[in-house]
Every structure is written in structure tokens, then in C-alpha cells.
PDB file of all heavy atoms in Angstrom:
ATOM      1  N   LYS A   1      95.471 102.237  90.494  1.00  0.00           N
ATOM      2  CA  LYS A   1      95.329 103.254  91.524  1.00  0.00           C
ATOM      3  C   LYS A   1      96.637 103.415  92.263  1.00  0.00           C
ATOM      4  O   LYS A   1      97.250 102.441  92.691  1.00  0.00           O
ATOM      5  CB  LYS A   1      94.222 102.875  92.510  1.00  0.00           C
ATOM      6  CG  LYS A   1      93.980 103.899  93.591  1.00  0.00           C
ATOM      7  CD  LYS A   1      92.846 103.465  94.513  1.00  0.00           C
ATOM      8  CE  LYS A   1      92.634 104.492  95.626  1.00  0.00           C
ATOM      9  NZ  LYS A   1      91.540 104.088  96.549  1.00  0.00           N
ATOM     10  N   LEU A   2      97.091 104.655  92.410  1.00  0.00           N
ATOM     11  CA  LEU A   2      98.347 104.919  93.101  1.00  0.00           C
ATOM     12  C   LEU A   2      98.173 104.823  94.626  1.00  0.00           C
ATOM     13  O   LEU A   2      97.268 105.425  95.196  1.00  0.00           O
ATOM     14  CB  LEU A   2      98.889 106.295  92.740  1.00  0.00           C
ATOM     15  CG  LEU A   2     100.199 106.704  93.396  1.00  0.00           C
ATOM     16  CD1 LEU A   2     101.330 105.775  92.979  1.00  0.00           C
ATOM     17  CD2 LEU A   2     100.538 108.147  93.061  1.00  0.00           C
ATOM     18  N   SER A   3      99.039 104.073  95.249  1.00  0.00           N
ATOM     19  CA  SER A   3      99.084 103.959  96.696  1.00  0.00           C
ATOM     20  C   SER A   3     100.527 103.633  97.091  1.00  0.00           C
ATOM     21  O   SER A   3     101.384 103.437  96.227  1.00  0.00           O
ATOM     22  CB  SER A   3      98.153 102.843  97.182  1.00  0.00           C
ATOM     23  OG  SER A   3      98.617 101.578  96.749  1.00  0.00           O
ATOM     24  N   ASP A   4     100.779 103.586  98.379  1.00  0.00           N
ATOM     25  CA  ASP A   4     102.129 103.231  98.821  1.00  0.00           C
ATOM     26  C   ASP A   4     102.513 101.855  98.298  1.00  0.00           C
ATOM     27  O   ASP A   4     103.689 101.597  97.986  1.00  0.00           O
ATOM     28  CB  ASP A   4     102.204 103.246 100.341  1.00  0.00           C
ATOM     29  CG  ASP A   4     102.127 104.672 100.904  1.00  0.00           C
ATOM     30  OD1 ASP A   4     102.396 105.617 100.147  1.00  0.00           O
ATOM     31  OD2 ASP A   4     101.775 104.813 102.100  1.00  0.00           O
ATOM     32  N   ARG A   5     101.521 100.958  98.195  1.00  0.00           N
ATOM     33  CA  ARG A   5     101.810  99.597  97.752  1.00  0.00           C
ATOM     34  C   ARG A   5     102.067  99.508  96.250  1.00  0.00           C
ATOM     35  O   ARG A   5     102.832  98.654  95.780  1.00  0.00           O
ATOM     36  CB  ARG A   5     100.635  98.688  98.120  1.00  0.00           C
ATOM     37  CG  ARG A   5     100.900  97.211  97.860  1.00  0.00           C
ATOM     38  CD  ARG A   5      99.711  96.366  98.298  1.00  0.00           C
ATOM     39  NE  ARG A   5      98.513  96.671  97.510  1.00  0.00           N
ATOM     40  CZ  ARG A   5      97.340  96.072  97.683  1.00  0.00           C
ATOM     41  NH1 ARG A   5      97.200  95.188  98.634  1.00  0.00           N
ATOM     42  NH2 ARG A   5      96.317  96.390  96.930  1.00  0.00           N
ATOM     43  N   SER A   6     101.443 100.415  95.482  1.00  0.00           N
ATOM     44  CA  SER A   6     101.574 100.327  94.030  1.00  0.00           C
ATOM     45  C   SER A   6     102.624 101.259  93.448  1.00  0.00           C
ATOM     46  O   SER A   6     102.916 101.195  92.244  1.00  0.00           O
ATOM     47  CB  SER A   6     100.220 100.625  93.351  1.00  0.00           C
ATOM     48  OG  SER A   6      99.814 101.956  93.622  1.00  0.00           O
ATOM     49  N   ARG A   7     103.181 102.122  94.259  1.00  0.00           N
ATOM     50  CA  ARG A   7     104.208 103.041  93.754  1.00  0.00           C
ATOM     51  C   ARG A   7     105.378 102.221  93.185  1.00  0.00           C
ATOM     52  O   ARG A   7     105.902 101.334  93.822  1.00  0.00           O
ATOM     53  CB  ARG A   7     104.699 103.935  94.898  1.00  0.00           C
ATOM     54  CG  ARG A   7     105.613 105.073  94.461  1.00  0.00           C
ATOM     55  CD  ARG A   7     105.950 105.952  95.668  1.00  0.00           C
ATOM     56  NE  ARG A   7     104.747 106.543  96.224  1.00  0.00           N
ATOM     57  CZ  ARG A   7     104.221 107.700  95.868  1.00  0.00           C
ATOM     58  NH1 ARG A   7     104.821 108.386  94.898  1.00  0.00           N
ATOM     59  NH2 ARG A   7     103.134 108.166  96.429  1.00  0.00           N
ATOM     60  N   GLY A   8     105.775 102.536  91.938  1.00  0.00           N
ATOM     61  CA  GLY A   8     106.850 101.801  91.293  1.00  0.00           C
ATOM     62  C   GLY A   8     106.487 100.383  90.906  1.00  0.00           C
ATOM     63  O   GLY A   8     107.366  99.523  90.733  1.00  0.00           O
ATOM     64  N   ILE A   9     105.185 100.134  90.698  1.00  0.00           N
ATOM     65  CA  ILE A   9     104.736  98.770  90.405  1.00  0.00           C
ATOM     66  C   ILE A   9     105.263  98.306  89.048  1.00  0.00           C
ATOM     67  O   ILE A   9     105.376  97.103  88.782  1.00  0.00           O
ATOM     68  CB  ILE A   9     103.211  98.673  90.482  1.00  0.00           C
ATOM     69  CG1 ILE A   9     102.781  97.219  90.686  1.00  0.00           C
ATOM     70  CG2 ILE A   9     102.524  99.291  89.258  1.00  0.00           C
ATOM     71  CD1 ILE A   9     101.356  97.060  91.135  1.00  0.00           C
ATOM     72  N   VAL A  10     105.621  99.255  88.182  1.00  0.00           N
ATOM     73  CA  VAL A  10     106.336  98.920  86.932  1.00  0.00           C
ATOM     74  C   VAL A  10     107.768  99.362  87.140  1.00  0.00           C
ATOM     75  O   VAL A  10     108.104 100.561  87.078  1.00  0.00           O
ATOM     76  CB  VAL A  10     105.710  99.624  85.710  1.00  0.00           C
ATOM     77  CG1 VAL A  10     106.505  99.277  84.453  1.00  0.00           C
ATOM     78  CG2 VAL A  10     104.243  99.226  85.557  1.00  0.00           C
ATOM     79  N   GLY A  11     108.627  98.386  87.407  1.00  0.00           N
ATOM     80  CA  GLY A  11     110.009  98.683  87.743  1.00  0.00           C
ATOM     81  C   GLY A  11     110.999  98.229  86.698  1.00  0.00           C
ATOM     82  O   GLY A  11     110.633  97.774  85.601  1.00  0.00           O
ATOM     83  N   ALA A  12     112.275  98.339  87.045  1.00  0.00           N
ATOM     84  CA  ALA A  12     113.337  97.995  86.107  1.00  0.00           C
ATOM     85  C   ALA A  12     113.263  96.559  85.645  1.00  0.00           C
ATOM     86  O   ALA A  12     113.480  96.251  84.448  1.00  0.00           O
ATOM     87  CB  ALA A  12     114.696  98.273  86.757  1.00  0.00           C
ATOM     88  N   ASP A  13     112.939  95.626  86.532  1.00  0.00           N
ATOM     89  CA  ASP A  13     112.839  94.237  86.158  1.00  0.00           C
ATOM     90  C   ASP A  13     111.724  94.000  85.138  1.00  0.00           C
ATOM     91  O   ASP A  13     111.879  93.193  84.212  1.00  0.00           O
ATOM     92  CB  ASP A  13     112.606  93.360  87.400  1.00  0.00           C
ATOM     93  CG  ASP A  13     113.831  93.285  88.292  1.00  0.00           C
ATOM     94  OD1 ASP A  13     114.924  93.680  87.839  1.00  0.00           O
ATOM     95  OD2 ASP A  13     113.682  92.860  89.461  1.00  0.00           O
ATOM     96  N   ASP A  14     110.617  94.696  85.334  1.00  0.00           N
ATOM     97  CA  ASP A  14     109.480  94.550  84.385  1.00  0.00           C
ATOM     98  C   ASP A  14     109.856  95.084  83.027  1.00  0.00           C
ATOM     99  O   ASP A  14     109.600  94.456  81.987  1.00  0.00           O
ATOM    100  CB  ASP A  14     108.252  95.308  84.937  1.00  0.00           C
ATOM    101  CG  ASP A  14     107.852  94.837  86.313  1.00  0.00           C
ATOM    102  OD1 ASP A  14     107.652  93.621  86.485  1.00  0.00           O
ATOM    103  OD2 ASP A  14     107.729  95.695  87.214  1.00  0.00           O
ATOM    104  N   LEU A  15     110.478  96.255  82.994  1.00  0.00           N
ATOM    105  CA  LEU A  15     110.884  96.855  81.717  1.00  0.00           C
ATOM    106  C   LEU A  15     111.926  95.998  81.021  1.00  0.00           C
ATOM    107  O   LEU A  15     111.933  95.878  79.770  1.00  0.00           O
ATOM    108  CB  LEU A  15     111.428  98.256  81.953  1.00  0.00           C
ATOM    109  CG  LEU A  15     110.416  99.264  82.506  1.00  0.00           C
ATOM    110  CD1 LEU A  15     111.110 100.544  82.935  1.00  0.00           C
ATOM    111  CD2 LEU A  15     109.326  99.569  81.470  1.00  0.00           C
ATOM    112  N   ALA A  16     112.786  95.359  81.778  1.00  0.00           N
ATOM    113  CA  ALA A  16     113.823  94.482  81.210  1.00  0.00           C
ATOM    114  C   ALA A  16     113.215  93.265  80.527  1.00  0.00           C
ATOM    115  O   ALA A  16     113.830  92.686  79.614  1.00  0.00           O
ATOM    116  CB  ALA A  16     114.809  94.050  82.291  1.00  0.00           C
ATOM    117  N   ARG A  17     112.035  92.839  80.949  1.00  0.00           N
ATOM    118  CA  ARG A  17     111.381  91.677  80.353  1.00  0.00           C
ATOM    119  C   ARG A  17     110.670  92.016  79.045  1.00  0.00           C
ATOM    120  O   ARG A  17     110.319  91.116  78.284  1.00  0.00           O
ATOM    121  CB  ARG A  17     110.369  91.092  81.341  1.00  0.00           C
ATOM    122  CG  ARG A  17     110.993  90.444  82.572  1.00  0.00           C
ATOM    123  CD  ARG A  17     109.940  89.767  83.437  1.00  0.00           C
ATOM    124  NE  ARG A  17     110.568  89.152  84.606  1.00  0.00           N
ATOM    125  CZ  ARG A  17     110.689  89.760  85.782  1.00  0.00           C
ATOM    126  NH1 ARG A  17     110.191  90.976  85.954  1.00  0.00           N
ATOM    127  NH2 ARG A  17     111.297  89.156  86.781  1.00  0.00           N
ATOM    128  N   MET A  18     110.419  93.305  78.794  1.00  0.00           N
ATOM    129  CA  MET A  18     109.656  93.683  77.610  1.00  0.00           C
ATOM    130  C   MET A  18     110.432  93.399  76.321  1.00  0.00           C
ATOM    131  O   MET A  18     111.666  93.453  76.279  1.00  0.00           O
ATOM    132  CB  MET A  18     109.261  95.150  77.674  1.00  0.00           C
ATOM    133  CG  MET A  18     108.246  95.455  78.761  1.00  0.00           C
ATOM    134  SD  MET A  18     107.842  97.240  78.891  1.00  0.00           S
ATOM    135  CE  MET A  18     107.003  97.501  77.303  1.00  0.00           C
ATOM    136  N   LYS A  19     109.680  93.116  75.254  1.00  0.00           N
ATOM    137  CA  LYS A  19     110.282  92.954  73.929  1.00  0.00           C
ATOM    138  C   LYS A  19     110.932  94.282  73.499  1.00  0.00           C
ATOM    139  O   LYS A  19     110.450  95.353  73.854  1.00  0.00           O
ATOM    140  CB  LYS A  19     109.197  92.601  72.913  1.00  0.00           C
ATOM    141  CG  LYS A  19     108.446  91.307  73.193  1.00  0.00           C
ATOM    142  CD  LYS A  19     107.381  91.122  72.115  1.00  0.00           C
ATOM    143  CE  LYS A  19     106.557  89.867  72.300  1.00  0.00           C
ATOM    144  NZ  LYS A  19     105.514  89.692  71.278  1.00  0.00           N
ATOM    145  N   PRO A  20     111.964  94.224  72.720  1.00  0.00           N
ATOM    146  CA  PRO A  20     112.609  95.465  72.262  1.00  0.00           C
ATOM    147  C   PRO A  20     111.715  96.283  71.331  1.00  0.00           C
ATOM    148  O   PRO A  20     112.000  97.461  71.080  1.00  0.00           O
ATOM    149  CB  PRO A  20     113.852  94.963  71.529  1.00  0.00           C
ATOM    150  CG  PRO A  20     113.584  93.549  71.193  1.00  0.00           C
ATOM    151  CD  PRO A  20     112.698  93.020  72.289  1.00  0.00           C
ATOM    152  N   THR A  21     110.643  95.651  70.832  1.00  0.00           N
ATOM    153  CA  THR A  21     109.696  96.374  69.971  1.00  0.00           C
ATOM    154  C   THR A  21     108.450  96.833  70.714  1.00  0.00           C
ATOM    155  O   THR A  21     107.611  97.551  70.156  1.00  0.00           O
ATOM    156  CB  THR A  21     109.263  95.472  68.815  1.00  0.00           C
ATOM    157  OG1 THR A  21     108.719  94.244  69.368  1.00  0.00           O
ATOM    158  CG2 THR A  21     110.438  95.149  67.890  1.00  0.00           C
ATOM    159  N   ALA A  22     108.298  96.431  71.977  1.00  0.00           N
ATOM    160  CA  ALA A  22     107.076  96.704  72.709  1.00  0.00           C
ATOM    161  C   ALA A  22     107.057  98.139  73.226  1.00  0.00           C
ATOM    162  O   ALA A  22     108.091  98.757  73.433  1.00  0.00           O
ATOM    163  CB  ALA A  22     106.941  95.735  73.890  1.00  0.00           C
ATOM    164  N   VAL A  23     105.837  98.657  73.445  1.00  0.00           N
ATOM    165  CA  VAL A  23     105.679 100.015  73.935  1.00  0.00           C
ATOM    166  C   VAL A  23     104.943 100.011  75.271  1.00  0.00           C
ATOM    167  O   VAL A  23     104.103  99.123  75.529  1.00  0.00           O
ATOM    168  CB  VAL A  23     104.973 100.936  72.932  1.00  0.00           C
ATOM    169  CG1 VAL A  23     105.716 100.945  71.606  1.00  0.00           C
ATOM    170  CG2 VAL A  23     103.521 100.511  72.732  1.00  0.00           C
ATOM    171  N   LEU A  24     105.241 101.000  76.091  1.00  0.00           N
ATOM    172  CA  LEU A  24     104.593 101.164  77.378  1.00  0.00           C
ATOM    173  C   LEU A  24     103.799 102.465  77.348  1.00  0.00           C
ATOM    174  O   LEU A  24     104.294 103.503  76.902  1.00  0.00           O
ATOM    175  CB  LEU A  24     105.648 101.260  78.488  1.00  0.00           C
ATOM    176  CG  LEU A  24     105.094 101.555  79.879  1.00  0.00           C
ATOM    177  CD1 LEU A  24     104.429 100.328  80.482  1.00  0.00           C
ATOM    178  CD2 LEU A  24     106.210 102.064  80.796  1.00  0.00           C
ATOM    179  N   VAL A  25     102.555 102.402  77.834  1.00  0.00           N
ATOM    180  CA  VAL A  25     101.700 103.586  77.896  1.00  0.00           C
ATOM    181  C   VAL A  25     101.196 103.734  79.330  1.00  0.00           C
ATOM    182  O   VAL A  25     100.731 102.782  79.941  1.00  0.00           O
ATOM    183  CB  VAL A  25     100.519 103.481  76.898  1.00  0.00           C
ATOM    184  CG1 VAL A  25      99.540 104.634  77.121  1.00  0.00           C
ATOM    185  CG2 VAL A  25     101.037 103.473  75.482  1.00  0.00           C
ATOM    186  N   ASN A  26     101.301 104.967  79.856  1.00  0.00           N
ATOM    187  CA  ASN A  26     100.832 105.240  81.210  1.00  0.00           C
ATOM    188  C   ASN A  26      99.943 106.479  81.190  1.00  0.00           C
ATOM    189  O   ASN A  26     100.429 107.602  80.966  1.00  0.00           O
ATOM    190  CB  ASN A  26     102.003 105.427  82.165  1.00  0.00           C
ATOM    191  CG  ASN A  26     101.527 105.593  83.616  1.00  0.00           C
ATOM    192  OD1 ASN A  26     100.367 105.398  83.942  1.00  0.00           O
ATOM    193  ND2 ASN A  26     102.449 105.963  84.494  1.00  0.00           N
ATOM    194  N   THR A  27      98.653 106.291  81.414  1.00  0.00           N
ATOM    195  CA  THR A  27      97.710 107.398  81.550  1.00  0.00           C
ATOM    196  C   THR A  27      97.078 107.409  82.934  1.00  0.00           C
ATOM    197  O   THR A  27      96.058 108.028  83.152  1.00  0.00           O
ATOM    198  CB  THR A  27      96.602 107.315  80.478  1.00  0.00           C
ATOM    199  OG1 THR A  27      95.933 106.038  80.596  1.00  0.00           O
ATOM    200  CG2 THR A  27      97.154 107.468  79.089  1.00  0.00           C
ATOM    201  N   SER A  28      97.702 106.713  83.874  1.00  0.00           N
ATOM    202  CA  SER A  28      97.154 106.572  85.206  1.00  0.00           C
ATOM    203  C   SER A  28      97.777 107.545  86.185  1.00  0.00           C
ATOM    204  O   SER A  28      97.221 108.617  86.443  1.00  0.00           O
ATOM    205  CB  SER A  28      97.302 105.126  85.694  1.00  0.00           C
ATOM    206  OG  SER A  28      96.620 104.931  86.913  1.00  0.00           O
ATOM    207  N   ARG A  29      98.943 107.232  86.721  1.00  0.00           N
ATOM    208  CA  ARG A  29      99.692 108.128  87.608  1.00  0.00           C
ATOM    209  C   ARG A  29     101.193 107.904  87.370  1.00  0.00           C
ATOM    210  O   ARG A  29     101.639 106.753  87.261  1.00  0.00           O
ATOM    211  CB  ARG A  29      99.362 107.859  89.086  1.00  0.00           C
ATOM    212  CG  ARG A  29      97.963 108.269  89.494  1.00  0.00           C
ATOM    213  CD  ARG A  29      97.729 109.768  89.444  1.00  0.00           C
ATOM    214  NE  ARG A  29      96.418 110.151  89.897  1.00  0.00           N
ATOM    215  CZ  ARG A  29      95.334 110.217  89.125  1.00  0.00           C
ATOM    216  NH1 ARG A  29      95.430 109.889  87.829  1.00  0.00           N
ATOM    217  NH2 ARG A  29      94.183 110.622  89.617  1.00  0.00           N
ATOM    218  N   GLY A  30     101.939 108.963  87.326  1.00  0.00           N
ATOM    219  CA  GLY A  30     103.352 108.875  87.011  1.00  0.00           C
ATOM    220  C   GLY A  30     104.151 107.960  87.922  1.00  0.00           C
ATOM    221  O   GLY A  30     104.954 107.142  87.462  1.00  0.00           O
ATOM    222  N   PRO A  31     103.989 108.069  89.258  1.00  0.00           N
ATOM    223  CA  PRO A  31     104.829 107.279  90.152  1.00  0.00           C
ATOM    224  C   PRO A  31     104.594 105.774  90.089  1.00  0.00           C
ATOM    225  O   PRO A  31     105.316 105.015  90.756  1.00  0.00           O
ATOM    226  CB  PRO A  31     104.454 107.818  91.548  1.00  0.00           C
ATOM    227  CG  PRO A  31     103.963 109.204  91.301  1.00  0.00           C
ATOM    228  CD  PRO A  31     103.236 109.110  89.985  1.00  0.00           C
ATOM    229  N   LEU A  32     103.609 105.318  89.352  1.00  0.00           N
ATOM    230  CA  LEU A  32     103.413 103.868  89.182  1.00  0.00           C
ATOM    231  C   LEU A  32     104.587 103.254  88.401  1.00  0.00           C
ATOM    232  O   LEU A  32     104.872 102.079  88.536  1.00  0.00           O
ATOM    233  CB  LEU A  32     102.114 103.574  88.439  1.00  0.00           C
ATOM    234  CG  LEU A  32     100.829 103.914  89.197  1.00  0.00           C
ATOM    235  CD1 LEU A  32      99.629 103.899  88.242  1.00  0.00           C
ATOM    236  CD2 LEU A  32     100.608 102.940  90.340  1.00  0.00           C
ATOM    237  N   VAL A  33     105.263 104.066  87.593  1.00  0.00           N
ATOM    238  CA  VAL A  33     106.371 103.587  86.765  1.00  0.00           C
ATOM    239  C   VAL A  33     107.682 104.185  87.289  1.00  0.00           C
ATOM    240  O   VAL A  33     107.740 105.391  87.568  1.00  0.00           O
ATOM    241  CB  VAL A  33     106.154 103.971  85.277  1.00  0.00           C
ATOM    242  CG1 VAL A  33     107.358 103.535  84.429  1.00  0.00           C
ATOM    243  CG2 VAL A  33     104.869 103.371  84.756  1.00  0.00           C
ATOM    244  N   ASP A  34     108.697 103.375  87.384  1.00  0.00           N
ATOM    245  CA  ASP A  34     110.025 103.847  87.782  1.00  0.00           C
ATOM    246  C   ASP A  34     110.593 104.679  86.631  1.00  0.00           C
ATOM    247  O   ASP A  34     111.025 104.138  85.599  1.00  0.00           O
ATOM    248  CB  ASP A  34     110.932 102.646  88.088  1.00  0.00           C
ATOM    249  CG  ASP A  34     112.313 103.050  88.541  1.00  0.00           C
ATOM    250  OD1 ASP A  34     112.814 104.116  88.137  1.00  0.00           O
ATOM    251  OD2 ASP A  34     112.916 102.282  89.323  1.00  0.00           O
ATOM    252  N   THR A  35     110.568 105.994  86.787  1.00  0.00           N
ATOM    253  CA  THR A  35     110.950 106.880  85.694  1.00  0.00           C
ATOM    254  C   THR A  35     112.409 106.712  85.294  1.00  0.00           C
ATOM    255  O   THR A  35     112.738 106.704  84.094  1.00  0.00           O
ATOM    256  CB  THR A  35     110.690 108.346  86.081  1.00  0.00           C
ATOM    257  OG1 THR A  35     109.298 108.514  86.335  1.00  0.00           O
ATOM    258  CG2 THR A  35     111.090 109.289  84.953  1.00  0.00           C
ATOM    259  N   ASP A  36     113.311 106.572  86.261  1.00  0.00           N
ATOM    260  CA  ASP A  36     114.718 106.401  85.937  1.00  0.00           C
ATOM    261  C   ASP A  36     114.926 105.117  85.110  1.00  0.00           C
ATOM    262  O   ASP A  36     115.707 105.097  84.130  1.00  0.00           O
ATOM    263  CB  ASP A  36     115.556 106.338  87.191  1.00  0.00           C
ATOM    264  CG  ASP A  36     115.652 107.692  87.898  1.00  0.00           C
ATOM    265  OD1 ASP A  36     115.384 108.708  87.242  1.00  0.00           O
ATOM    266  OD2 ASP A  36     115.949 107.711  89.111  1.00  0.00           O
ATOM    267  N   ALA A  37     114.247 104.053  85.503  1.00  0.00           N
ATOM    268  CA  ALA A  37     114.372 102.794  84.768  1.00  0.00           C
ATOM    269  C   ALA A  37     113.791 102.922  83.371  1.00  0.00           C
ATOM    270  O   ALA A  37     114.334 102.383  82.396  1.00  0.00           O
ATOM    271  CB  ALA A  37     113.665 101.671  85.533  1.00  0.00           C
ATOM    272  N   LEU A  38     112.693 103.654  83.242  1.00  0.00           N
ATOM    273  CA  LEU A  38     112.091 103.874  81.921  1.00  0.00           C
ATOM    274  C   LEU A  38     113.016 104.664  81.027  1.00  0.00           C
ATOM    275  O   LEU A  38     113.214 104.335  79.846  1.00  0.00           O
ATOM    276  CB  LEU A  38     110.744 104.573  82.060  1.00  0.00           C
ATOM    277  CG  LEU A  38     110.042 104.945  80.754  1.00  0.00           C
ATOM    278  CD1 LEU A  38     109.746 103.699  79.909  1.00  0.00           C
ATOM    279  CD2 LEU A  38     108.743 105.713  81.052  1.00  0.00           C
ATOM    280  N   LEU A  39     113.615 105.715  81.571  1.00  0.00           N
ATOM    281  CA  LEU A  39     114.549 106.521  80.769  1.00  0.00           C
ATOM    282  C   LEU A  39     115.715 105.691  80.298  1.00  0.00           C
ATOM    283  O   LEU A  39     116.138 105.780  79.130  1.00  0.00           O
ATOM    284  CB  LEU A  39     115.033 107.694  81.611  1.00  0.00           C
ATOM    285  CG  LEU A  39     114.054 108.879  81.738  1.00  0.00           C
ATOM    286  CD1 LEU A  39     114.500 109.802  82.874  1.00  0.00           C
ATOM    287  CD2 LEU A  39     113.962 109.634  80.431  1.00  0.00           C
TER     288      LEU A  39
END
């Protein structure tokens, strides 16, 4: 659920920990993921 507390809950540090073969899927709300970091 998107809230002020959860905005950007998937950030650059989280994406950096992912395997190079792993995939991320977001069907919830866009601002939960740091778009610049994902790009």
C-alpha cells in the first residue's frame, strides 16, 4: 500500500542487492519503486 512511509520502499540499495539475472515486477503503485534507480 502506498503511503508517505512506503514511498520509495524499493530503492537503489535494494536494487543493488539483486542478482544480475533477477527480475522486478510492480503491479501495486509506481512510487513504491525508485524509478531513477530502476532505470
